[in-house]
PDB file of all heavy atoms in Angstrom:
ATOM      1  N   HIS A   1       0.833  -1.193  -0.039  1.00  0.00           N
ATOM      2  CA  HIS A   1      -0.047   0.035   0.063  1.00  0.00           C
ATOM      3  C   HIS A   1       0.810   1.328   0.029  1.00  0.00           C
ATOM      4  O   HIS A   1       0.574   2.266  -0.678  1.00  0.00           O
ATOM      5  CB  HIS A   1      -0.782   0.032   1.224  1.00  0.00           C
ATOM      6  CG  HIS A   1      -1.969  -1.140   1.233  1.00  0.00           C
ATOM      7  ND1 HIS A   1      -3.086  -1.031   0.504  1.00  0.00           N
ATOM      8  CD2 HIS A   1      -1.984  -2.287   1.908  1.00  0.00           C
ATOM      9  CE1 HIS A   1      -3.777  -2.127   0.755  1.00  0.00           C
ATOM     10  NE2 HIS A   1      -3.095  -2.898   1.554  1.00  0.00           N
ATOM     11  N   GLU A   2       1.933   1.250   0.737  1.00  0.00           N
ATOM     12  CA  GLU A   2       2.911   2.381   0.904  1.00  0.00           C
ATOM     13  C   GLU A   2       3.437   2.600  -0.456  1.00  0.00           C
ATOM     14  O   GLU A   2       3.551   3.836  -0.979  1.00  0.00           O
ATOM     15  CB  GLU A   2       3.934   2.021   1.860  1.00  0.00           C
ATOM     16  CG  GLU A   2       4.929   3.121   2.244  1.00  0.00           C
ATOM     17  CD  GLU A   2       5.899   2.679   3.237  1.00  0.00           C
ATOM     18  OE1 GLU A   2       6.583   1.735   3.092  1.00  0.00           O
ATOM     19  OE2 GLU A   2       5.931   3.340   4.330  1.00  0.00           O
ATOM     20  N   MET A   3       3.939   1.470  -1.170  1.00  0.00           N
ATOM     21  CA  MET A   3       4.615   1.707  -2.472  1.00  0.00           C
ATOM     22  C   MET A   3       3.603   2.243  -3.450  1.00  0.00           C
ATOM     23  O   MET A   3       3.856   3.099  -4.285  1.00  0.00           O
ATOM     24  CB  MET A   3       5.139   0.428  -2.928  1.00  0.00           C
ATOM     25  CG  MET A   3       6.215  -0.173  -2.086  1.00  0.00           C
ATOM     26  SD  MET A   3       6.601  -1.890  -2.445  1.00  0.00           S
ATOM     27  CE  MET A   3       7.031  -1.761  -4.244  1.00  0.00           C
ATOM     28  N   ALA A   4       2.339   1.724  -3.485  1.00  0.00           N
ATOM     29  CA  ALA A   4       1.293   2.124  -4.449  1.00  0.00           C
ATOM     30  C   ALA A   4       1.027   3.644  -4.242  1.00  0.00           C
ATOM     31  O   ALA A   4       0.854   4.479  -5.252  1.00  0.00           O
ATOM     32  CB  ALA A   4       0.071   1.328  -4.261  1.00  0.00           C
ATOM     33  N   GLY A   5       1.073   4.074  -2.917  1.00  0.00           N
ATOM     34  CA  GLY A   5       0.623   5.589  -2.698  1.00  0.00           C
ATOM     35  C   GLY A   5       1.714   6.408  -3.167  1.00  0.00           C
ATOM     36  O   GLY A   5       1.394   7.469  -3.753  1.00  0.00           O
ATOM     37  N   ILE A   6       2.997   6.073  -3.031  1.00  0.00           N
ATOM     38  CA  ILE A   6       4.058   6.786  -3.436  1.00  0.00           C
ATOM     39  C   ILE A   6       4.188   6.830  -5.048  1.00  0.00           C
ATOM     40  O   ILE A   6       4.322   7.944  -5.549  1.00  0.00           O
ATOM     41  CB  ILE A   6       5.420   6.361  -2.940  1.00  0.00           C
ATOM     42  CG1 ILE A   6       5.492   6.510  -1.349  1.00  0.00           C
ATOM     43  CG2 ILE A   6       6.634   6.959  -3.522  1.00  0.00           C
ATOM     44  CD1 ILE A   6       6.622   5.720  -0.691  1.00  0.00           C
ATOM     45  N   LYS A   7       3.947   5.768  -5.575  1.00  0.00           N
ATOM     46  CA  LYS A   7       4.001   5.709  -7.145  1.00  0.00           C
ATOM     47  C   LYS A   7       2.812   6.551  -7.683  1.00  0.00           C
ATOM     48  O   LYS A   7       3.091   7.291  -8.673  1.00  0.00           O
ATOM     49  CB  LYS A   7       3.861   4.275  -7.562  1.00  0.00           C
ATOM     50  CG  LYS A   7       3.973   4.151  -9.034  1.00  0.00           C
ATOM     51  CD  LYS A   7       5.234   4.517  -9.581  1.00  0.00           C
ATOM     52  CE  LYS A   7       5.262   4.383 -11.165  1.00  0.00           C
ATOM     53  NZ  LYS A   7       6.475   4.861 -11.748  1.00  0.00           N
ATOM     54  N   ASP A   8       1.725   6.479  -7.074  1.00  0.00           N
ATOM     55  CA  ASP A   8       0.557   7.258  -7.527  1.00  0.00           C
ATOM     56  C   ASP A   8       0.897   8.742  -7.382  1.00  0.00           C
ATOM     57  O   ASP A   8       0.409   9.521  -8.282  1.00  0.00           O
ATOM     58  CB  ASP A   8      -0.736   6.879  -6.705  1.00  0.00           C
ATOM     59  CG  ASP A   8      -1.930   7.594  -7.105  1.00  0.00           C
ATOM     60  OD1 ASP A   8      -2.309   7.444  -8.297  1.00  0.00           O
ATOM     61  OD2 ASP A   8      -2.527   8.304  -6.287  1.00  0.00           O
ATOM     62  N   ALA A   9       1.563   9.179  -6.387  1.00  0.00           N
ATOM     63  CA  ALA A   9       1.784  10.613  -6.151  1.00  0.00           C
ATOM     64  C   ALA A   9       2.892  11.143  -7.155  1.00  0.00           C
ATOM     65  O   ALA A   9       2.749  12.158  -7.773  1.00  0.00           O
ATOM     66  CB  ALA A   9       2.307  10.827  -4.679  1.00  0.00           C
ATOM     67  N   LEU A  10       3.911  10.231  -7.331  1.00  0.00           N
ATOM     68  CA  LEU A  10       4.973  10.713  -8.190  1.00  0.00           C
ATOM     69  C   LEU A  10       4.680  10.627  -9.785  1.00  0.00           C
ATOM     70  O   LEU A  10       5.199  11.284 -10.534  1.00  0.00           O
ATOM     71  CB  LEU A  10       6.363   9.963  -7.902  1.00  0.00           C
ATOM     72  CG  LEU A  10       6.830  10.203  -6.494  1.00  0.00           C
ATOM     73  CD1 LEU A  10       8.093   9.409  -6.340  1.00  0.00           C
ATOM     74  CD2 LEU A  10       7.057  11.680  -6.258  1.00  0.00           C
ATOM     75  N   GLY A  11       3.717   9.678 -10.000  1.00  0.00           N
ATOM     76  CA  GLY A  11       3.380   9.533 -11.424  1.00  0.00           C
ATOM     77  C   GLY A  11       4.322   8.598 -12.216  1.00  0.00           C
ATOM     78  O   GLY A  11       5.268   8.175 -11.764  1.00  0.00           O
ATOM     79  N   ASN A  12       3.968   8.525 -13.505  1.00  0.00           N
ATOM     80  CA  ASN A  12       4.633   7.617 -14.333  1.00  0.00           C
ATOM     81  C   ASN A  12       5.944   8.199 -14.980  1.00  0.00           C
ATOM     82  O   ASN A  12       6.705   7.456 -15.574  1.00  0.00           O
ATOM     83  CB  ASN A  12       3.718   7.095 -15.508  1.00  0.00           C
ATOM     84  CG  ASN A  12       2.613   6.292 -14.973  1.00  0.00           C
ATOM     85  OD1 ASN A  12       2.756   5.513 -13.957  1.00  0.00           O
ATOM     86  ND2 ASN A  12       1.411   6.414 -15.629  1.00  0.00           N
ATOM     87  N   ASP A  13       6.126   9.506 -14.767  1.00  0.00           N
ATOM     88  CA  ASP A  13       7.307  10.133 -15.343  1.00  0.00           C
ATOM     89  C   ASP A  13       8.563   9.887 -14.484  1.00  0.00           C
ATOM     90  O   ASP A  13       9.708  10.272 -14.945  1.00  0.00           O
ATOM     91  CB  ASP A  13       7.066  11.592 -15.650  1.00  0.00           C
ATOM     92  CG  ASP A  13       6.050  11.837 -16.651  1.00  0.00           C
ATOM     93  OD1 ASP A  13       5.892  10.967 -17.563  1.00  0.00           O
ATOM     94  OD2 ASP A  13       5.417  12.834 -16.685  1.00  0.00           O
ATOM     95  N   VAL A  14       8.366   9.366 -13.278  1.00  0.00           N
ATOM     96  CA  VAL A  14       9.538   9.120 -12.401  1.00  0.00           C
ATOM     97  C   VAL A  14       9.763   7.687 -12.323  1.00  0.00           C
ATOM     98  O   VAL A  14       8.957   6.909 -12.067  1.00  0.00           O
ATOM     99  CB  VAL A  14       9.143   9.787 -10.967  1.00  0.00           C
ATOM    100  CG1 VAL A  14      10.279   9.376 -10.002  1.00  0.00           C
ATOM    101  CG2 VAL A  14       8.906  11.148 -10.943  1.00  0.00           C
ATOM    102  N   GLU A  15      11.044   7.266 -12.510  1.00  0.00           N
ATOM    103  CA  GLU A  15      11.410   5.826 -12.368  1.00  0.00           C
ATOM    104  C   GLU A  15      11.634   5.531 -10.940  1.00  0.00           C
ATOM    105  O   GLU A  15      12.412   6.213 -10.235  1.00  0.00           O
ATOM    106  CB  GLU A  15      12.736   5.732 -13.137  1.00  0.00           C
ATOM    107  CG  GLU A  15      13.297   4.258 -13.065  1.00  0.00           C
ATOM    108  CD  GLU A  15      14.670   4.078 -13.642  1.00  0.00           C
ATOM    109  OE1 GLU A  15      15.057   4.973 -14.481  1.00  0.00           O
ATOM    110  OE2 GLU A  15      15.385   3.143 -13.230  1.00  0.00           O
ATOM    111  N   MET A  16      10.959   4.545 -10.473  1.00  0.00           N
ATOM    112  CA  MET A  16      11.047   4.076  -9.097  1.00  0.00           C
ATOM    113  C   MET A  16      11.880   2.852  -8.918  1.00  0.00           C
ATOM    114  O   MET A  16      11.721   1.970  -9.682  1.00  0.00           O
ATOM    115  CB  MET A  16       9.672   3.782  -8.459  1.00  0.00           C
ATOM    116  CG  MET A  16       8.908   5.114  -8.196  1.00  0.00           C
ATOM    117  SD  MET A  16       9.477   6.110  -6.939  1.00  0.00           S
ATOM    118  CE  MET A  16       9.568   4.937  -5.544  1.00  0.00           C
ATOM    119  N   ASN A  17      12.849   2.755  -8.002  1.00  0.00           N
ATOM    120  CA  ASN A  17      13.509   1.617  -7.624  1.00  0.00           C
ATOM    121  C   ASN A  17      13.350   1.379  -6.210  1.00  0.00           C
ATOM    122  O   ASN A  17      12.978   2.245  -5.374  1.00  0.00           O
ATOM    123  CB  ASN A  17      15.038   1.737  -7.944  1.00  0.00           C
ATOM    124  CG  ASN A  17      15.358   1.844  -9.427  1.00  0.00           C
ATOM    125  OD1 ASN A  17      16.346   2.411  -9.852  1.00  0.00           O
ATOM    126  ND2 ASN A  17      14.537   1.135 -10.228  1.00  0.00           N
ATOM    127  N   TYR A  18      13.445   0.052  -5.673  1.00  0.00           N
ATOM    128  CA  TYR A  18      13.183  -0.376  -4.370  1.00  0.00           C
ATOM    129  C   TYR A  18      14.290  -1.263  -3.735  1.00  0.00           C
ATOM    130  O   TYR A  18      14.793  -2.073  -4.488  1.00  0.00           O
ATOM    131  CB  TYR A  18      11.779  -1.127  -4.341  1.00  0.00           C
ATOM    132  CG  TYR A  18      10.629  -0.386  -4.973  1.00  0.00           C
ATOM    133  CD1 TYR A  18      10.375  -0.626  -6.401  1.00  0.00           C
ATOM    134  CD2 TYR A  18       9.917   0.550  -4.293  1.00  0.00           C
ATOM    135  CE1 TYR A  18       9.323   0.096  -6.971  1.00  0.00           C
ATOM    136  CE2 TYR A  18       8.763   1.183  -4.844  1.00  0.00           C
ATOM    137  CZ  TYR A  18       8.546   1.027  -6.306  1.00  0.00           C
ATOM    138  OH  TYR A  18       7.528   1.623  -6.887  1.00  0.00           O
ATOM    139  N   LEU A  19      14.552  -0.964  -2.511  1.00  0.00           N
ATOM    140  CA  LEU A  19      15.384  -1.863  -1.807  1.00  0.00           C
ATOM    141  C   LEU A  19      14.787  -2.171  -0.500  1.00  0.00           C
ATOM    142  O   LEU A  19      14.196  -1.278   0.320  1.00  0.00           O
ATOM    143  CB  LEU A  19      16.841  -1.259  -1.506  1.00  0.00           C
ATOM    144  CG  LEU A  19      17.741  -1.012  -2.684  1.00  0.00           C
ATOM    145  CD1 LEU A  19      19.001  -0.291  -2.325  1.00  0.00           C
ATOM    146  CD2 LEU A  19      18.151  -2.423  -3.316  1.00  0.00           C
ATOM    147  N   PHE A  20      14.750  -3.545  -0.086  1.00  0.00           N
ATOM    148  CA  PHE A  20      14.078  -3.954   1.164  1.00  0.00           C
ATOM    149  C   PHE A  20      15.078  -4.542   2.139  1.00  0.00           C
ATOM    150  O   PHE A  20      15.823  -5.387   1.829  1.00  0.00           O
ATOM    151  CB  PHE A  20      13.023  -5.022   0.698  1.00  0.00           C
ATOM    152  CG  PHE A  20      11.970  -4.492  -0.260  1.00  0.00           C
ATOM    153  CD1 PHE A  20      12.149  -4.725  -1.600  1.00  0.00           C
ATOM    154  CD2 PHE A  20      10.872  -3.812   0.170  1.00  0.00           C
ATOM    155  CE1 PHE A  20      11.137  -4.276  -2.476  1.00  0.00           C
ATOM    156  CE2 PHE A  20       9.928  -3.338  -0.730  1.00  0.00           C
ATOM    157  CZ  PHE A  20      10.066  -3.616  -2.092  1.00  0.00           C
ATOM    158  N   MET A  21      14.985  -3.930   3.288  1.00  0.00           N
ATOM    159  CA  MET A  21      15.922  -4.473   4.353  1.00  0.00           C
ATOM    160  C   MET A  21      15.511  -5.685   5.089  1.00  0.00           C
ATOM    161  O   MET A  21      16.342  -6.407   5.571  1.00  0.00           O
ATOM    162  CB  MET A  21      16.090  -3.341   5.431  1.00  0.00           C
ATOM    163  CG  MET A  21      16.753  -2.067   4.888  1.00  0.00           C
ATOM    164  SD  MET A  21      16.965  -0.751   6.113  1.00  0.00           S
ATOM    165  CE  MET A  21      18.344  -1.483   7.008  1.00  0.00           C
ATOM    166  N   ASP A  22      14.195  -5.908   5.108  1.00  0.00           N
ATOM    167  CA  ASP A  22      13.646  -7.128   5.802  1.00  0.00           C
ATOM    168  C   ASP A  22      14.120  -7.333   7.287  1.00  0.00           C
ATOM    169  O   ASP A  22      14.404  -8.399   7.692  1.00  0.00           O
ATOM    170  CB  ASP A  22      14.079  -8.409   5.004  1.00  0.00           C
ATOM    171  CG  ASP A  22      13.301  -9.549   5.383  1.00  0.00           C
ATOM    172  OD1 ASP A  22      12.068  -9.405   5.969  1.00  0.00           O
ATOM    173  OD2 ASP A  22      13.634 -10.716   5.070  1.00  0.00           O
ATOM    174  N   ALA A  23      14.097  -6.115   7.959  1.00  0.00           N
ATOM    175  CA  ALA A  23      14.646  -6.032   9.299  1.00  0.00           C
ATOM    176  C   ALA A  23      13.797  -6.831  10.312  1.00  0.00           C
ATOM    177  O   ALA A  23      14.290  -7.254  11.256  1.00  0.00           O
ATOM    178  CB  ALA A  23      14.823  -4.611   9.790  1.00  0.00           C
ATOM    179  N   LYS A  24      12.499  -7.012   9.956  1.00  0.00           N
ATOM    180  CA  LYS A  24      11.655  -7.723  10.960  1.00  0.00           C
ATOM    181  C   LYS A  24      12.007  -9.237  10.974  1.00  0.00           C
ATOM    182  O   LYS A  24      11.802  -9.835  11.965  1.00  0.00           O
ATOM    183  CB  LYS A  24      10.080  -7.571  10.481  1.00  0.00           C
ATOM    184  CG  LYS A  24       9.547  -6.315  10.680  1.00  0.00           C
ATOM    185  CD  LYS A  24       9.441  -5.877  12.112  1.00  0.00           C
ATOM    186  CE  LYS A  24       8.628  -4.622  12.321  1.00  0.00           C
ATOM    187  NZ  LYS A  24       8.536  -4.170  13.795  1.00  0.00           N
ATOM    188  N   GLN A  25      12.560  -9.729   9.786  1.00  0.00           N
ATOM    189  CA  GLN A  25      12.865 -11.189   9.808  1.00  0.00           C
ATOM    190  C   GLN A  25      14.291 -11.530  10.275  1.00  0.00           C
ATOM    191  O   GLN A  25      14.540 -12.463  10.929  1.00  0.00           O
ATOM    192  CB  GLN A  25      12.614 -11.697   8.368  1.00  0.00           C
ATOM    193  CG  GLN A  25      11.069 -11.698   7.905  1.00  0.00           C
ATOM    194  CD  GLN A  25      10.296 -12.637   8.732  1.00  0.00           C
ATOM    195  OE1 GLN A  25      10.679 -13.642   9.107  1.00  0.00           O
ATOM    196  NE2 GLN A  25       9.078 -12.159   9.108  1.00  0.00           N
ATOM    197  N   ILE A  26      15.278 -10.651   9.760  1.00  0.00           N
ATOM    198  CA  ILE A  26      16.639 -10.974  10.003  1.00  0.00           C
ATOM    199  C   ILE A  26      17.300 -10.135  11.051  1.00  0.00           C
ATOM    200  O   ILE A  26      18.398 -10.374  11.413  1.00  0.00           O
ATOM    201  CB  ILE A  26      17.506 -10.896   8.712  1.00  0.00           C
ATOM    202  CG1 ILE A  26      17.429  -9.449   8.100  1.00  0.00           C
ATOM    203  CG2 ILE A  26      16.817 -11.835   7.616  1.00  0.00           C
ATOM    204  CD1 ILE A  26      18.387  -9.331   6.931  1.00  0.00           C
ATOM    205  N   GLY A  27      16.583  -9.094  11.559  1.00  0.00           N
ATOM    206  CA  GLY A  27      17.157  -8.266  12.623  1.00  0.00           C
ATOM    207  C   GLY A  27      17.863  -7.052  12.014  1.00  0.00           C
ATOM    208  O   GLY A  27      18.266  -7.058  10.963  1.00  0.00           O
ATOM    209  N   SER A  28      17.966  -6.021  12.885  1.00  0.00           N
ATOM    210  CA  SER A  28      18.429  -4.741  12.311  1.00  0.00           C
ATOM    211  C   SER A  28      19.949  -4.811  11.975  1.00  0.00           C
ATOM    212  O   SER A  28      20.307  -4.232  10.978  1.00  0.00           O
ATOM    213  CB  SER A  28      18.148  -3.666  13.548  1.00  0.00           C
ATOM    214  OG  SER A  28      16.836  -3.416  13.717  1.00  0.00           O
ATOM    215  N   ASP A  29      20.667  -5.442  12.713  1.00  0.00           N
ATOM    216  CA  ASP A  29      22.150  -5.444  12.419  1.00  0.00           C
ATOM    217  C   ASP A  29      22.440  -6.164  11.163  1.00  0.00           C
ATOM    218  O   ASP A  29      23.284  -5.707  10.312  1.00  0.00           O
ATOM    219  CB  ASP A  29      22.942  -6.167  13.531  1.00  0.00           C
ATOM    220  CG  ASP A  29      22.882  -5.373  14.884  1.00  0.00           C
ATOM    221  OD1 ASP A  29      22.671  -4.162  14.873  1.00  0.00           O
ATOM    222  OD2 ASP A  29      23.079  -5.935  15.992  1.00  0.00           O
ATOM    223  N   GLN A  30      21.888  -7.344  10.975  1.00  0.00           N
ATOM    224  CA  GLN A  30      22.100  -8.102   9.707  1.00  0.00           C
ATOM    225  C   GLN A  30      21.464  -7.380   8.515  1.00  0.00           C
ATOM    226  O   GLN A  30      22.109  -7.309   7.424  1.00  0.00           O
ATOM    227  CB  GLN A  30      21.523  -9.408   9.765  1.00  0.00           C
ATOM    228  CG  GLN A  30      21.862 -10.372   8.607  1.00  0.00           C
ATOM    229  CD  GLN A  30      21.384 -11.771   8.690  1.00  0.00           C
ATOM    230  OE1 GLN A  30      20.984 -12.169   9.706  1.00  0.00           O
ATOM    231  NE2 GLN A  30      21.417 -12.559   7.572  1.00  0.00           N
ATOM    232  N   ALA A  31      20.356  -6.758   8.698  1.00  0.00           N
ATOM    233  CA  ALA A  31      19.647  -5.989   7.649  1.00  0.00           C
ATOM    234  C   ALA A  31      20.535  -4.831   7.244  1.00  0.00           C
ATOM    235  O   ALA A  31      20.665  -4.488   6.013  1.00  0.00           O
ATOM    236  CB  ALA A  31      18.299  -5.477   8.058  1.00  0.00           C
TER     237      ALA A  31
END
């Protein structure tokens, strides 16, 4: 939902890239 809201706001003229830390699963230090 967060990603969809940001993409909707910035529109199709902006190229979006994503990086996911997954801190909930692997912990903050490893992430």
